Amino acid sequence: MNTDGDRLVVIWSSGDPGVAKNLVFMYTKNSRLRDWWQEVLLVIWGPSAKLLAESADLQAELASVQEAGVEVIACKACADNYSVSANLEDLGIEVKYMGVPLTDFLKAGEKILTF
């Protein structure tokens, strides 16, 4: 857990590809490239998991985000519900249950954006 307050947690739950390209990926990538945040964690949650697993275009864009230094994880319960856990793991995404980590982020006062 980052204790210096310079981490951003972005929860991406939207199934809209425009939100992914024009908000989530753009902001998280630039946040690292321009040092707006020391750490950026992108959490794939809900419909975004299915969208990413089915879109080669978004997968390529996400790879660029990861290369910029954004840590990416996905909610296992959601990914399992959409039957895409293995697909996401193949993209280099850690897939794990997120209920407890999200609760910890909230209790620690982490900065969280949700799209």
PDB file of N, CA and C in Angstrom:
ATOM      1  N   MET A   1       0.848  -1.185   0.000  1.00  0.00           N
ATOM      2  CA  MET A   1       0.000   0.000   0.000  1.00  0.00           C
ATOM      3  C   MET A   1       0.888   1.240   0.000  1.00  0.00           C
ATOM      4  N   ASN A   2       0.605   2.150  -0.884  1.00  0.00           N
ATOM      5  CA  ASN A   2       1.346   3.414  -0.972  1.00  0.00           C
ATOM      6  C   ASN A   2       0.936   4.290   0.206  1.00  0.00           C
ATOM      7  N   THR A   3       1.918   4.764   0.950  1.00  0.00           N
ATOM      8  CA  THR A   3       1.596   5.562   2.134  1.00  0.00           C
ATOM      9  C   THR A   3       1.906   7.040   1.964  1.00  0.00           C
ATOM     10  N   ASP A   4       2.451   7.440   0.808  1.00  0.00           N
ATOM     11  CA  ASP A   4       2.795   8.853   0.653  1.00  0.00           C
ATOM     12  C   ASP A   4       1.732   9.648  -0.093  1.00  0.00           C
ATOM     13  N   GLY A   5       0.607   9.032  -0.442  1.00  0.00           N
ATOM     14  CA  GLY A   5      -0.502   9.749  -1.059  1.00  0.00           C
ATOM     15  C   GLY A   5      -0.315  10.056  -2.527  1.00  0.00           C
ATOM     16  N   ASP A   6       0.695   9.449  -3.154  1.00  0.00           N
ATOM     17  CA  ASP A   6       0.955   9.745  -4.556  1.00  0.00           C
ATOM     18  C   ASP A   6       0.606   8.562  -5.458  1.00  0.00           C
ATOM     19  N   ARG A   7      -0.504   7.910  -5.136  1.00  0.00           N
ATOM     20  CA  ARG A   7      -0.995   6.810  -5.973  1.00  0.00           C
ATOM     21  C   ARG A   7      -2.443   7.105  -6.331  1.00  0.00           C
ATOM     22  N   LEU A   8      -2.771   6.801  -7.567  1.00  0.00           N
ATOM     23  CA  LEU A   8      -4.131   6.904  -8.056  1.00  0.00           C
ATOM     24  C   LEU A   8      -4.637   5.519  -8.406  1.00  0.00           C
ATOM     25  N   VAL A   9      -5.816   5.200  -7.937  1.00  0.00           N
ATOM     26  CA  VAL A   9      -6.486   3.945  -8.283  1.00  0.00           C
ATOM     27  C   VAL A   9      -7.641   4.305  -9.211  1.00  0.00           C
ATOM     28  N   VAL A  10      -7.615   3.741 -10.419  1.00  0.00           N
ATOM     29  CA  VAL A  10      -8.669   3.988 -11.395  1.00  0.00           C
ATOM     30  C   VAL A  10      -9.460   2.702 -11.573  1.00  0.00           C
ATOM     31  N   ILE A  11     -10.748   2.783 -11.303  1.00  0.00           N
ATOM     32  CA  ILE A  11     -11.629   1.635 -11.501  1.00  0.00           C
ATOM     33  C   ILE A  11     -12.350   1.834 -12.826  1.00  0.00           C
ATOM     34  N   TRP A  12     -12.078   0.922 -13.753  1.00  0.00           N
ATOM     35  CA  TRP A  12     -12.694   0.967 -15.079  1.00  0.00           C
ATOM     36  C   TRP A  12     -13.767  -0.109 -15.127  1.00  0.00           C
ATOM     37  N   SER A  13     -15.020   0.319 -15.125  1.00  0.00           N
ATOM     38  CA  SER A  13     -16.124  -0.634 -15.151  1.00  0.00           C
ATOM     39  C   SER A  13     -17.002  -0.487 -16.388  1.00  0.00           C
ATOM     40  N   SER A  14     -16.822   0.566 -17.134  1.00  0.00           N
ATOM     41  CA  SER A  14     -17.677   0.835 -18.292  1.00  0.00           C
ATOM     42  C   SER A  14     -17.436  -0.155 -19.428  1.00  0.00           C
ATOM     43  N   GLY A  15     -18.517  -0.565 -20.064  1.00  0.00           N
ATOM     44  CA  GLY A  15     -18.440  -1.412 -21.241  1.00  0.00           C
ATOM     45  C   GLY A  15     -18.392  -0.613 -22.528  1.00  0.00           C
ATOM     46  N   ASP A  16     -18.187   0.684 -22.441  1.00  0.00           N
ATOM     47  CA  ASP A  16     -18.156   1.576 -23.605  1.00  0.00           C
ATOM     48  C   ASP A  16     -16.712   1.740 -24.073  1.00  0.00           C
ATOM     49  N   PRO A  17     -16.397   1.348 -25.321  1.00  0.00           N
ATOM     50  CA  PRO A  17     -15.023   1.476 -25.804  1.00  0.00           C
ATOM     51  C   PRO A  17     -14.536   2.922 -25.868  1.00  0.00           C
ATOM     52  N   GLY A  18     -15.435   3.868 -26.082  1.00  0.00           N
ATOM     53  CA  GLY A  18     -15.041   5.274 -26.096  1.00  0.00           C
ATOM     54  C   GLY A  18     -14.550   5.739 -24.748  1.00  0.00           C
ATOM     55  N   VAL A  19     -15.155   5.255 -23.688  1.00  0.00           N
ATOM     56  CA  VAL A  19     -14.700   5.590 -22.332  1.00  0.00           C
ATOM     57  C   VAL A  19     -13.294   5.030 -22.112  1.00  0.00           C
ATOM     58  N   ALA A  20     -13.071   3.817 -22.592  1.00  0.00           N
ATOM     59  CA  ALA A  20     -11.748   3.203 -22.445  1.00  0.00           C
ATOM     60  C   ALA A  20     -10.685   4.034 -23.158  1.00  0.00           C
ATOM     61  N   LYS A  21     -10.920   4.349 -24.422  1.00  0.00           N
ATOM     62  CA  LYS A  21      -9.916   5.037 -25.244  1.00  0.00           C
ATOM     63  C   LYS A  21      -9.726   6.498 -24.848  1.00  0.00           C
ATOM     64  N   ASN A  22     -10.823   7.199 -24.622  1.00  0.00           N
ATOM     65  CA  ASN A  22     -10.765   8.646 -24.456  1.00  0.00           C
ATOM     66  C   ASN A  22     -10.729   9.132 -23.019  1.00  0.00           C
ATOM     67  N   LEU A  23     -10.845   8.232 -22.080  1.00  0.00           N
ATOM     68  CA  LEU A  23     -10.741   8.599 -20.663  1.00  0.00           C
ATOM     69  C   LEU A  23      -9.736   7.716 -19.942  1.00  0.00           C
ATOM     70  N   VAL A  24     -10.102   6.465 -19.788  1.00  0.00           N
ATOM     71  CA  VAL A  24      -9.340   5.566 -18.934  1.00  0.00           C
ATOM     72  C   VAL A  24      -7.895   5.409 -19.407  1.00  0.00           C
ATOM     73  N   PHE A  25      -7.713   4.976 -20.645  1.00  0.00           N
ATOM     74  CA  PHE A  25      -6.361   4.714 -21.133  1.00  0.00           C
ATOM     75  C   PHE A  25      -5.570   6.005 -21.288  1.00  0.00           C
ATOM     76  N   MET A  26      -6.211   7.022 -21.806  1.00  0.00           N
ATOM     77  CA  MET A  26      -5.520   8.292 -22.023  1.00  0.00           C
ATOM     78  C   MET A  26      -5.019   8.882 -20.700  1.00  0.00           C
ATOM     79  N   TYR A  27      -5.894   8.925 -19.712  1.00  0.00           N
ATOM     80  CA  TYR A  27      -5.504   9.550 -18.443  1.00  0.00           C
ATOM     81  C   TYR A  27      -4.488   8.703 -17.681  1.00  0.00           C
ATOM     82  N   THR A  28      -4.709   7.394 -17.600  1.00  0.00           N
ATOM     83  CA  THR A  28      -3.773   6.573 -16.825  1.00  0.00           C
ATOM     84  C   THR A  28      -2.383   6.585 -17.465  1.00  0.00           C
ATOM     85  N   LYS A  29      -2.321   6.471 -18.780  1.00  0.00           N
ATOM     86  CA  LYS A  29      -1.027   6.469 -19.472  1.00  0.00           C
ATOM     87  C   LYS A  29      -0.299   7.804 -19.274  1.00  0.00           C
ATOM     88  N   ASN A  30      -0.988   8.899 -19.506  1.00  0.00           N
ATOM     89  CA  ASN A  30      -0.362  10.210 -19.346  1.00  0.00           C
ATOM     90  C   ASN A  30       0.001  10.504 -17.899  1.00  0.00           C
ATOM     91  N   SER A  31      -0.764   9.957 -16.971  1.00  0.00           N
ATOM     92  CA  SER A  31      -0.445  10.146 -15.556  1.00  0.00           C
ATOM     93  C   SER A  31       0.938   9.609 -15.220  1.00  0.00           C
ATOM     94  N   ARG A  32       1.309   8.495 -15.836  1.00  0.00           N
ATOM     95  CA  ARG A  32       2.642   7.933 -15.599  1.00  0.00           C
ATOM     96  C   ARG A  32       3.698   8.623 -16.458  1.00  0.00           C
ATOM     97  N   LEU A  33       3.407   8.823 -17.739  1.00  0.00           N
ATOM     98  CA  LEU A  33       4.410   9.417 -18.630  1.00  0.00           C
ATOM     99  C   LEU A  33       4.780  10.830 -18.217  1.00  0.00           C
ATOM    100  N   ARG A  34       3.828  11.560 -17.646  1.00  0.00           N
ATOM    101  CA  ARG A  34       4.062  12.952 -17.258  1.00  0.00           C
ATOM    102  C   ARG A  34       4.284  13.127 -15.755  1.00  0.00           C
ATOM    103  N   ASP A  35       4.370  12.004 -15.069  1.00  0.00           N
ATOM    104  CA  ASP A  35       4.624  11.992 -13.621  1.00  0.00           C
ATOM    105  C   ASP A  35       3.599  12.781 -12.811  1.00  0.00           C
ATOM    106  N   TRP A  36       2.342  12.718 -13.250  1.00  0.00           N
ATOM    107  CA  TRP A  36       1.286  13.338 -12.461  1.00  0.00           C
ATOM    108  C   TRP A  36       1.073  12.570 -11.166  1.00  0.00           C
ATOM    109  N   TRP A  37       1.274  11.247 -11.221  1.00  0.00           N
ATOM    110  CA  TRP A  37       1.162  10.358 -10.060  1.00  0.00           C
ATOM    111  C   TRP A  37       2.377   9.441 -10.070  1.00  0.00           C
ATOM    112  N   GLN A  38       2.921   9.178  -8.896  1.00  0.00           N
ATOM    113  CA  GLN A  38       4.044   8.253  -8.785  1.00  0.00           C
ATOM    114  C   GLN A  38       3.606   6.837  -9.158  1.00  0.00           C
ATOM    115  N   GLU A  39       2.422   6.454  -8.722  1.00  0.00           N
ATOM    116  CA  GLU A  39       1.882   5.122  -9.023  1.00  0.00           C
ATOM    117  C   GLU A  39       0.469   5.273  -9.557  1.00  0.00           C
ATOM    118  N   VAL A  40       0.159   4.461 -10.566  1.00  0.00           N
ATOM    119  CA  VAL A  40      -1.199   4.413 -11.096  1.00  0.00           C
ATOM    120  C   VAL A  40      -1.596   2.943 -11.183  1.00  0.00           C
ATOM    121  N   LEU A  41      -2.716   2.626 -10.573  1.00  0.00           N
ATOM    122  CA  LEU A  41      -3.261   1.273 -10.583  1.00  0.00           C
ATOM    123  C   LEU A  41      -4.581   1.309 -11.334  1.00  0.00           C
ATOM    124  N   LEU A  42      -4.685   0.526 -12.393  1.00  0.00           N
ATOM    125  CA  LEU A  42      -5.919   0.423 -13.164  1.00  0.00           C
ATOM    126  C   LEU A  42      -6.595  -0.891 -12.814  1.00  0.00           C
ATOM    127  N   VAL A  43      -7.828  -0.804 -12.311  1.00  0.00           N
ATOM    128  CA  VAL A  43      -8.596  -1.981 -11.925  1.00  0.00           C
ATOM    129  C   VAL A  43      -9.701  -2.196 -12.952  1.00  0.00           C
ATOM    130  N   ILE A  44      -9.664  -3.336 -13.602  1.00  0.00           N
ATOM    131  CA  ILE A  44     -10.688  -3.713 -14.578  1.00  0.00           C
ATOM    132  C   ILE A  44     -11.783  -4.441 -13.808  1.00  0.00           C
ATOM    133  N   TRP A  45     -12.996  -3.906 -13.889  1.00  0.00           N
ATOM    134  CA  TRP A  45     -14.067  -4.417 -13.036  1.00  0.00           C
ATOM    135  C   TRP A  45     -15.364  -4.424 -13.839  1.00  0.00           C
ATOM    136  N   GLY A  46     -16.079  -5.517 -13.815  1.00  0.00           N
ATOM    137  CA  GLY A  46     -17.392  -5.585 -14.459  1.00  0.00           C
ATOM    138  C   GLY A  46     -17.320  -5.681 -15.974  1.00  0.00           C
ATOM    139  N   PRO A  47     -18.215  -4.962 -16.671  1.00  0.00           N
ATOM    140  CA  PRO A  47     -18.320  -5.075 -18.127  1.00  0.00           C
ATOM    141  C   PRO A  47     -17.031  -4.744 -18.881  1.00  0.00           C
ATOM    142  N   SER A  48     -16.153  -3.962 -18.298  1.00  0.00           N
ATOM    143  CA  SER A  48     -14.889  -3.642 -18.970  1.00  0.00           C
ATOM    144  C   SER A  48     -14.053  -4.904 -19.203  1.00  0.00           C
ATOM    145  N   ALA A  49     -14.174  -5.890 -18.334  1.00  0.00           N
ATOM    146  CA  ALA A  49     -13.417  -7.138 -18.491  1.00  0.00           C
ATOM    147  C   ALA A  49     -13.820  -7.848 -19.781  1.00  0.00           C
ATOM    148  N   LYS A  50     -15.096  -7.948 -20.019  1.00  0.00           N
ATOM    149  CA  LYS A  50     -15.607  -8.592 -21.228  1.00  0.00           C
ATOM    150  C   LYS A  50     -15.217  -7.780 -22.464  1.00  0.00           C
ATOM    151  N   LEU A  51     -15.384  -6.474 -22.388  1.00  0.00           N
ATOM    152  CA  LEU A  51     -15.040  -5.596 -23.504  1.00  0.00           C
ATOM    153  C   LEU A  51     -13.570  -5.770 -23.886  1.00  0.00           C
ATOM    154  N   LEU A  52     -12.677  -5.741 -22.904  1.00  0.00           N
ATOM    155  CA  LEU A  52     -11.257  -5.869 -23.177  1.00  0.00           C
ATOM    156  C   LEU A  52     -10.927  -7.237 -23.768  1.00  0.00           C
ATOM    157  N   ALA A  53     -11.501  -8.275 -23.228  1.00  0.00           N
ATOM    158  CA  ALA A  53     -11.213  -9.633 -23.704  1.00  0.00           C
ATOM    159  C   ALA A  53     -11.625  -9.832 -25.156  1.00  0.00           C
ATOM    160  N   GLU A  54     -12.600  -9.063 -25.617  1.00  0.00           N
ATOM    161  CA  GLU A  54     -13.134  -9.241 -26.968  1.00  0.00           C
ATOM    162  C   GLU A  54     -12.597  -8.236 -27.978  1.00  0.00           C
ATOM    163  N   SER A  55     -11.769  -7.277 -27.576  1.00  0.00           N
ATOM    164  CA  SER A  55     -11.341  -6.215 -28.474  1.00  0.00           C
ATOM    165  C   SER A  55      -9.815  -6.179 -28.632  1.00  0.00           C
ATOM    166  N   ALA A  56      -9.342  -6.616 -29.796  1.00  0.00           N
ATOM    167  CA  ALA A  56      -7.905  -6.569 -30.075  1.00  0.00           C
ATOM    168  C   ALA A  56      -7.397  -5.135 -30.072  1.00  0.00           C
ATOM    169  N   ASP A  57      -8.225  -4.196 -30.523  1.00  0.00           N
ATOM    170  CA  ASP A  57      -7.855  -2.784 -30.546  1.00  0.00           C
ATOM    171  C   ASP A  57      -7.597  -2.274 -29.125  1.00  0.00           C
ATOM    172  N   LEU A  58      -8.502  -2.577 -28.211  1.00  0.00           N
ATOM    173  CA  LEU A  58      -8.316  -2.137 -26.827  1.00  0.00           C
ATOM    174  C   LEU A  58      -7.153  -2.868 -26.158  1.00  0.00           C
ATOM    175  N   GLN A  59      -6.953  -4.123 -26.518  1.00  0.00           N
ATOM    176  CA  GLN A  59      -5.827  -4.870 -25.961  1.00  0.00           C
ATOM    177  C   GLN A  59      -4.499  -4.218 -26.349  1.00  0.00           C
ATOM    178  N   ALA A  60      -4.399  -3.765 -27.599  1.00  0.00           N
ATOM    179  CA  ALA A  60      -3.177  -3.090 -28.055  1.00  0.00           C
ATOM    180  C   ALA A  60      -2.982  -1.778 -27.305  1.00  0.00           C
ATOM    181  N   GLU A  61      -4.060  -1.048 -27.109  1.00  0.00           N
ATOM    182  CA  GLU A  61      -3.951   0.211 -26.371  1.00  0.00           C
ATOM    183  C   GLU A  61      -3.581  -0.031 -24.912  1.00  0.00           C
ATOM    184  N   LEU A  62      -4.149  -1.084 -24.331  1.00  0.00           N
ATOM    185  CA  LEU A  62      -3.823  -1.399 -22.939  1.00  0.00           C
ATOM    186  C   LEU A  62      -2.347  -1.769 -22.806  1.00  0.00           C
ATOM    187  N   ALA A  63      -1.795  -2.477 -23.776  1.00  0.00           N
ATOM    188  CA  ALA A  63      -0.377  -2.832 -23.728  1.00  0.00           C
ATOM    189  C   ALA A  63       0.480  -1.572 -23.644  1.00  0.00           C
ATOM    190  N   SER A  64       0.090  -0.534 -24.364  1.00  0.00           N
ATOM    191  CA  SER A  64       0.805   0.743 -24.323  1.00  0.00           C
ATOM    192  C   SER A  64       0.704   1.384 -22.939  1.00  0.00           C
ATOM    193  N   VAL A  65      -0.455   1.261 -22.322  1.00  0.00           N
ATOM    194  CA  VAL A  65      -0.662   1.772 -20.968  1.00  0.00           C
ATOM    195  C   VAL A  65       0.243   1.027 -19.984  1.00  0.00           C
ATOM    196  N   GLN A  66       0.288  -0.296 -20.124  1.00  0.00           N
ATOM    197  CA  GLN A  66       1.146  -1.101 -19.249  1.00  0.00           C
ATOM    198  C   GLN A  66       2.616  -0.737 -19.443  1.00  0.00           C
ATOM    199  N   GLU A  67       3.035  -0.526 -20.695  1.00  0.00           N
ATOM    200  CA  GLU A  67       4.418  -0.155 -20.982  1.00  0.00           C
ATOM    201  C   GLU A  67       4.791   1.190 -20.370  1.00  0.00           C
ATOM    202  N   ALA A  68       3.801   2.053 -20.179  1.00  0.00           N
ATOM    203  CA  ALA A  68       4.041   3.359 -19.558  1.00  0.00           C
ATOM    204  C   ALA A  68       4.235   3.243 -18.047  1.00  0.00           C
ATOM    205  N   GLY A  69       3.979   2.058 -17.491  1.00  0.00           N
ATOM    206  CA  GLY A  69       4.200   1.851 -16.065  1.00  0.00           C
ATOM    207  C   GLY A  69       2.946   1.782 -15.223  1.00  0.00           C
ATOM    208  N   VAL A  70       1.792   1.690 -15.866  1.00  0.00           N
ATOM    209  CA  VAL A  70       0.538   1.559 -15.120  1.00  0.00           C
ATOM    210  C   VAL A  70       0.370   0.093 -14.724  1.00  0.00           C
ATOM    211  N   GLU A  71       0.131  -0.148 -13.448  1.00  0.00           N
ATOM    212  CA  GLU A  71      -0.152  -1.504 -12.966  1.00  0.00           C
ATOM    213  C   GLU A  71      -1.611  -1.814 -13.274  1.00  0.00           C
ATOM    214  N   VAL A  72      -1.869  -2.996 -13.811  1.00  0.00           N
ATOM    215  CA  VAL A  72      -3.231  -3.358 -14.208  1.00  0.00           C
ATOM    216  C   VAL A  72      -3.621  -4.664 -13.527  1.00  0.00           C
ATOM    217  N   ILE A  73      -4.782  -4.640 -12.877  1.00  0.00           N
ATOM    218  CA  ILE A  73      -5.340  -5.846 -12.277  1.00  0.00           C
ATOM    219  C   ILE A  73      -6.813  -5.919 -12.645  1.00  0.00           C
ATOM    220  N   ALA A  74      -7.375  -7.104 -12.541  1.00  0.00           N
ATOM    221  CA  ALA A  74      -8.787  -7.299 -12.866  1.00  0.00           C
ATOM    222  C   ALA A  74      -9.476  -8.050 -11.741  1.00  0.00           C
ATOM    223  N   CYS A  75     -10.732  -7.729 -11.549  1.00  0.00           N
ATOM    224  CA  CYS A  75     -11.550  -8.409 -10.545  1.00  0.00           C
ATOM    225  C   CYS A  75     -11.833  -9.835 -11.016  1.00  0.00           C
ATOM    226  N   LYS A  76     -11.416 -10.806 -10.232  1.00  0.00           N
ATOM    227  CA  LYS A  76     -11.594 -12.216 -10.591  1.00  0.00           C
ATOM    228  C   LYS A  76     -13.063 -12.614 -10.631  1.00  0.00           C
ATOM    229  N   ALA A  77     -13.836 -12.164  -9.686  1.00  0.00           N
ATOM    230  CA  ALA A  77     -15.257 -12.545  -9.678  1.00  0.00           C
ATOM    231  C   ALA A  77     -15.936 -12.074 -10.960  1.00  0.00           C
ATOM    232  N   CYS A  78     -15.660 -10.843 -11.359  1.00  0.00           N
ATOM    233  CA  CYS A  78     -16.264 -10.311 -12.586  1.00  0.00           C
ATOM    234  C   CYS A  78     -15.738 -11.040 -13.811  1.00  0.00           C
ATOM    235  N   ALA A  79     -14.426 -11.220 -13.875  1.00  0.00           N
ATOM    236  CA  ALA A  79     -13.835 -11.898 -15.027  1.00  0.00           C
ATOM    237  C   ALA A  79     -14.359 -13.329 -15.135  1.00  0.00           C
ATOM    238  N   ASP A  80     -14.505 -13.992 -14.003  1.00  0.00           N
ATOM    239  CA  ASP A  80     -15.071 -15.346 -14.024  1.00  0.00           C
ATOM    240  C   ASP A  80     -16.521 -15.320 -14.497  1.00  0.00           C
ATOM    241  N   ASN A  81     -17.287 -14.334 -14.050  1.00  0.00           N
ATOM    242  CA  ASN A  81     -18.688 -14.240 -14.477  1.00  0.00           C
ATOM    243  C   ASN A  81     -18.823 -14.092 -15.990  1.00  0.00           C
ATOM    244  N   TYR A  82     -17.843 -13.413 -16.611  1.00  0.00           N
ATOM    245  CA  TYR A  82     -17.842 -13.229 -18.066  1.00  0.00           C
ATOM    246  C   TYR A  82     -17.012 -14.301 -18.775  1.00  0.00           C
ATOM    247  N   SER A  83     -16.452 -15.229 -18.022  1.00  0.00           N
ATOM    248  CA  SER A  83     -15.611 -16.316 -18.567  1.00  0.00           C
ATOM    249  C   SER A  83     -14.414 -15.779 -19.342  1.00  0.00           C
ATOM    250  N   VAL A  84     -13.765 -14.735 -18.801  1.00  0.00           N
ATOM    251  CA  VAL A  84     -12.626 -14.129 -19.494  1.00  0.00           C
ATOM    252  C   VAL A  84     -11.357 -14.061 -18.633  1.00  0.00           C
ATOM    253  N   SER A  85     -11.327 -14.737 -17.502  1.00  0.00           N
ATOM    254  CA  SER A  85     -10.144 -14.670 -16.627  1.00  0.00           C
ATOM    255  C   SER A  85      -8.883 -15.098 -17.354  1.00  0.00           C
ATOM    256  N   ALA A  86      -8.929 -16.207 -18.052  1.00  0.00           N
ATOM    257  CA  ALA A  86      -7.747 -16.699 -18.766  1.00  0.00           C
ATOM    258  C   ALA A  86      -7.323 -15.721 -19.860  1.00  0.00           C
ATOM    259  N   ASN A  87      -8.293 -15.138 -20.548  1.00  0.00           N
ATOM    260  CA  ASN A  87      -7.979 -14.155 -21.597  1.00  0.00           C
ATOM    261  C   ASN A  87      -7.214 -12.973 -21.006  1.00  0.00           C
ATOM    262  N   LEU A  88      -7.667 -12.482 -19.869  1.00  0.00           N
ATOM    263  CA  LEU A  88      -7.021 -11.333 -19.242  1.00  0.00           C
ATOM    264  C   LEU A  88      -5.635 -11.698 -18.729  1.00  0.00           C
ATOM    265  N   GLU A  89      -5.495 -12.871 -18.151  1.00  0.00           N
ATOM    266  CA  GLU A  89      -4.182 -13.313 -17.683  1.00  0.00           C
ATOM    267  C   GLU A  89      -3.198 -13.415 -18.847  1.00  0.00           C
ATOM    268  N   ASP A  90      -3.684 -13.854 -20.007  1.00  0.00           N
ATOM    269  CA  ASP A  90      -2.835 -13.940 -21.204  1.00  0.00           C
ATOM    270  C   ASP A  90      -2.335 -12.567 -21.645  1.00  0.00           C
ATOM    271  N   LEU A  91      -3.025 -11.501 -21.230  1.00  0.00           N
ATOM    272  CA  LEU A  91      -2.618 -10.133 -21.552  1.00  0.00           C
ATOM    273  C   LEU A  91      -1.657  -9.559 -20.509  1.00  0.00           C
ATOM    274  N   GLY A  92      -1.257 -10.393 -19.558  1.00  0.00           N
ATOM    275  CA  GLY A  92      -0.344  -9.937 -18.518  1.00  0.00           C
ATOM    276  C   GLY A  92      -1.026  -9.203 -17.386  1.00  0.00           C
ATOM    277  N   ILE A  93      -2.315  -9.438 -17.239  1.00  0.00           N
ATOM    278  CA  ILE A  93      -3.096  -8.775 -16.192  1.00  0.00           C
ATOM    279  C   ILE A  93      -3.248  -9.733 -15.015  1.00  0.00           C
ATOM    280  N   GLU A  94      -2.961  -9.225 -13.824  1.00  0.00           N
ATOM    281  CA  GLU A  94      -3.200 -10.011 -12.618  1.00  0.00           C
ATOM    282  C   GLU A  94      -4.710 -10.047 -12.380  1.00  0.00           C
ATOM    283  N   VAL A  95      -5.248 -11.241 -12.209  1.00  0.00           N
ATOM    284  CA  VAL A  95      -6.682 -11.402 -11.970  1.00  0.00           C
ATOM    285  C   VAL A  95      -6.847 -11.914 -10.545  1.00  0.00           C
ATOM    286  N   LYS A  96      -7.513 -11.093  -9.708  1.00  0.00           N
ATOM    287  CA  LYS A  96      -7.687 -11.484  -8.309  1.00  0.00           C
ATOM    288  C   LYS A  96      -8.980 -10.891  -7.763  1.00  0.00           C
ATOM    289  N   TYR A  97      -9.452 -11.453  -6.674  1.00  0.00           N
ATOM    290  CA  TYR A  97     -10.648 -10.920  -6.031  1.00  0.00           C
ATOM    291  C   TYR A  97     -10.339  -9.525  -5.507  1.00  0.00           C
ATOM    292  N   MET A  98     -11.230  -8.581  -5.736  1.00  0.00           N
ATOM    293  CA  MET A  98     -10.946  -7.182  -5.445  1.00  0.00           C
ATOM    294  C   MET A  98     -11.757  -6.576  -4.304  1.00  0.00           C
ATOM    295  N   GLY A  99     -12.671  -7.314  -3.715  1.00  0.00           N
ATOM    296  CA  GLY A  99     -13.486  -6.747  -2.640  1.00  0.00           C
ATOM    297  C   GLY A  99     -12.653  -6.234  -1.480  1.00  0.00           C
ATOM    298  N   VAL A 100     -11.758  -7.057  -0.983  1.00  0.00           N
ATOM    299  CA  VAL A 100     -10.926  -6.659   0.149  1.00  0.00           C
ATOM    300  C   VAL A 100      -9.935  -5.561  -0.250  1.00  0.00           C
ATOM    301  N   PRO A 101      -9.213  -5.703  -1.391  1.00  0.00           N
ATOM    302  CA  PRO A 101      -8.304  -4.609  -1.755  1.00  0.00           C
ATOM    303  C   PRO A 101      -9.023  -3.267  -1.929  1.00  0.00           C
ATOM    304  N   LEU A 102     -10.193  -3.256  -2.551  1.00  0.00           N
ATOM    305  CA  LEU A 102     -10.923  -1.996  -2.710  1.00  0.00           C
ATOM    306  C   LEU A 102     -11.303  -1.420  -1.354  1.00  0.00           C
ATOM    307  N   THR A 103     -11.760  -2.268  -0.469  1.00  0.00           N
ATOM    308  CA  THR A 103     -12.106  -1.810   0.876  1.00  0.00           C
ATOM    309  C   THR A 103     -10.880  -1.215   1.565  1.00  0.00           C
ATOM    310  N   ASP A 104      -9.736  -1.861   1.416  1.00  0.00           N
ATOM    311  CA  ASP A 104      -8.498  -1.340   2.006  1.00  0.00           C
ATOM    312  C   ASP A 104      -8.130   0.019   1.404  1.00  0.00           C
ATOM    313  N   PHE A 105      -8.269   0.160   0.068  1.00  0.00           N
ATOM    314  CA  PHE A 105      -7.980   1.446  -0.582  1.00  0.00           C
ATOM    315  C   PHE A 105      -8.864   2.548   0.000  1.00  0.00           C
ATOM    316  N   LEU A 106     -10.142   2.246   0.130  1.00  0.00           N
ATOM    317  CA  LEU A 106     -11.088   3.239   0.643  1.00  0.00           C
ATOM    318  C   LEU A 106     -10.766   3.618   2.087  1.00  0.00           C
ATOM    319  N   LYS A 107     -10.511   2.617   2.911  1.00  0.00           N
ATOM    320  CA  LYS A 107     -10.213   2.885   4.321  1.00  0.00           C
ATOM    321  C   LYS A 107      -8.906   3.644   4.497  1.00  0.00           C
ATOM    322  N   ALA A 108      -7.978   3.462   3.551  1.00  0.00           N
ATOM    323  CA  ALA A 108      -6.684   4.148   3.629  1.00  0.00           C
ATOM    324  C   ALA A 108      -6.745   5.559   3.036  1.00  0.00           C
ATOM    325  N   GLY A 109      -7.893   5.933   2.506  1.00  0.00           N
ATOM    326  CA  GLY A 109      -8.029   7.267   1.942  1.00  0.00           C
ATOM    327  C   GLY A 109      -7.349   7.438   0.594  1.00  0.00           C
ATOM    328  N   GLU A 110      -7.167   6.336  -0.140  1.00  0.00           N
ATOM    329  CA  GLU A 110      -6.543   6.414  -1.465  1.00  0.00           C
ATOM    330  C   GLU A 110      -7.407   7.265  -2.393  1.00  0.00           C
ATOM    331  N   LYS A 111      -6.750   7.845  -3.374  1.00  0.00           N
ATOM    332  CA  LYS A 111      -7.455   8.618  -4.402  1.00  0.00           C
ATOM    333  C   LYS A 111      -7.981   7.644  -5.437  1.00  0.00           C
ATOM    334  N   ILE A 112      -9.306   7.635  -5.635  1.00  0.00           N
ATOM    335  CA  ILE A 112      -9.941   6.671  -6.529  1.00  0.00           C
ATOM    336  C   ILE A 112     -10.819   7.395  -7.530  1.00  0.00           C
ATOM    337  N   LEU A 113     -10.620   7.055  -8.806  1.00  0.00           N
ATOM    338  CA  LEU A 113     -11.484   7.531  -9.897  1.00  0.00           C
ATOM    339  C   LEU A 113     -12.217   6.324 -10.455  1.00  0.00           C
ATOM    340  N   THR A 114     -13.464   6.529 -10.802  1.00  0.00           N
ATOM    341  CA  THR A 114     -14.250   5.432 -11.377  1.00  0.00           C
ATOM    342  C   THR A 114     -14.841   5.858 -12.700  1.00  0.00           C
ATOM    343  N   PHE A 115     -14.628   5.028 -13.704  1.00  0.00           N
ATOM    344  CA  PHE A 115     -15.196   5.264 -15.034  1.00  0.00           C
ATOM    345  C   PHE A 115     -16.008   4.065 -15.438  1.00  0.00           C
TER     346      PHE A 115
END
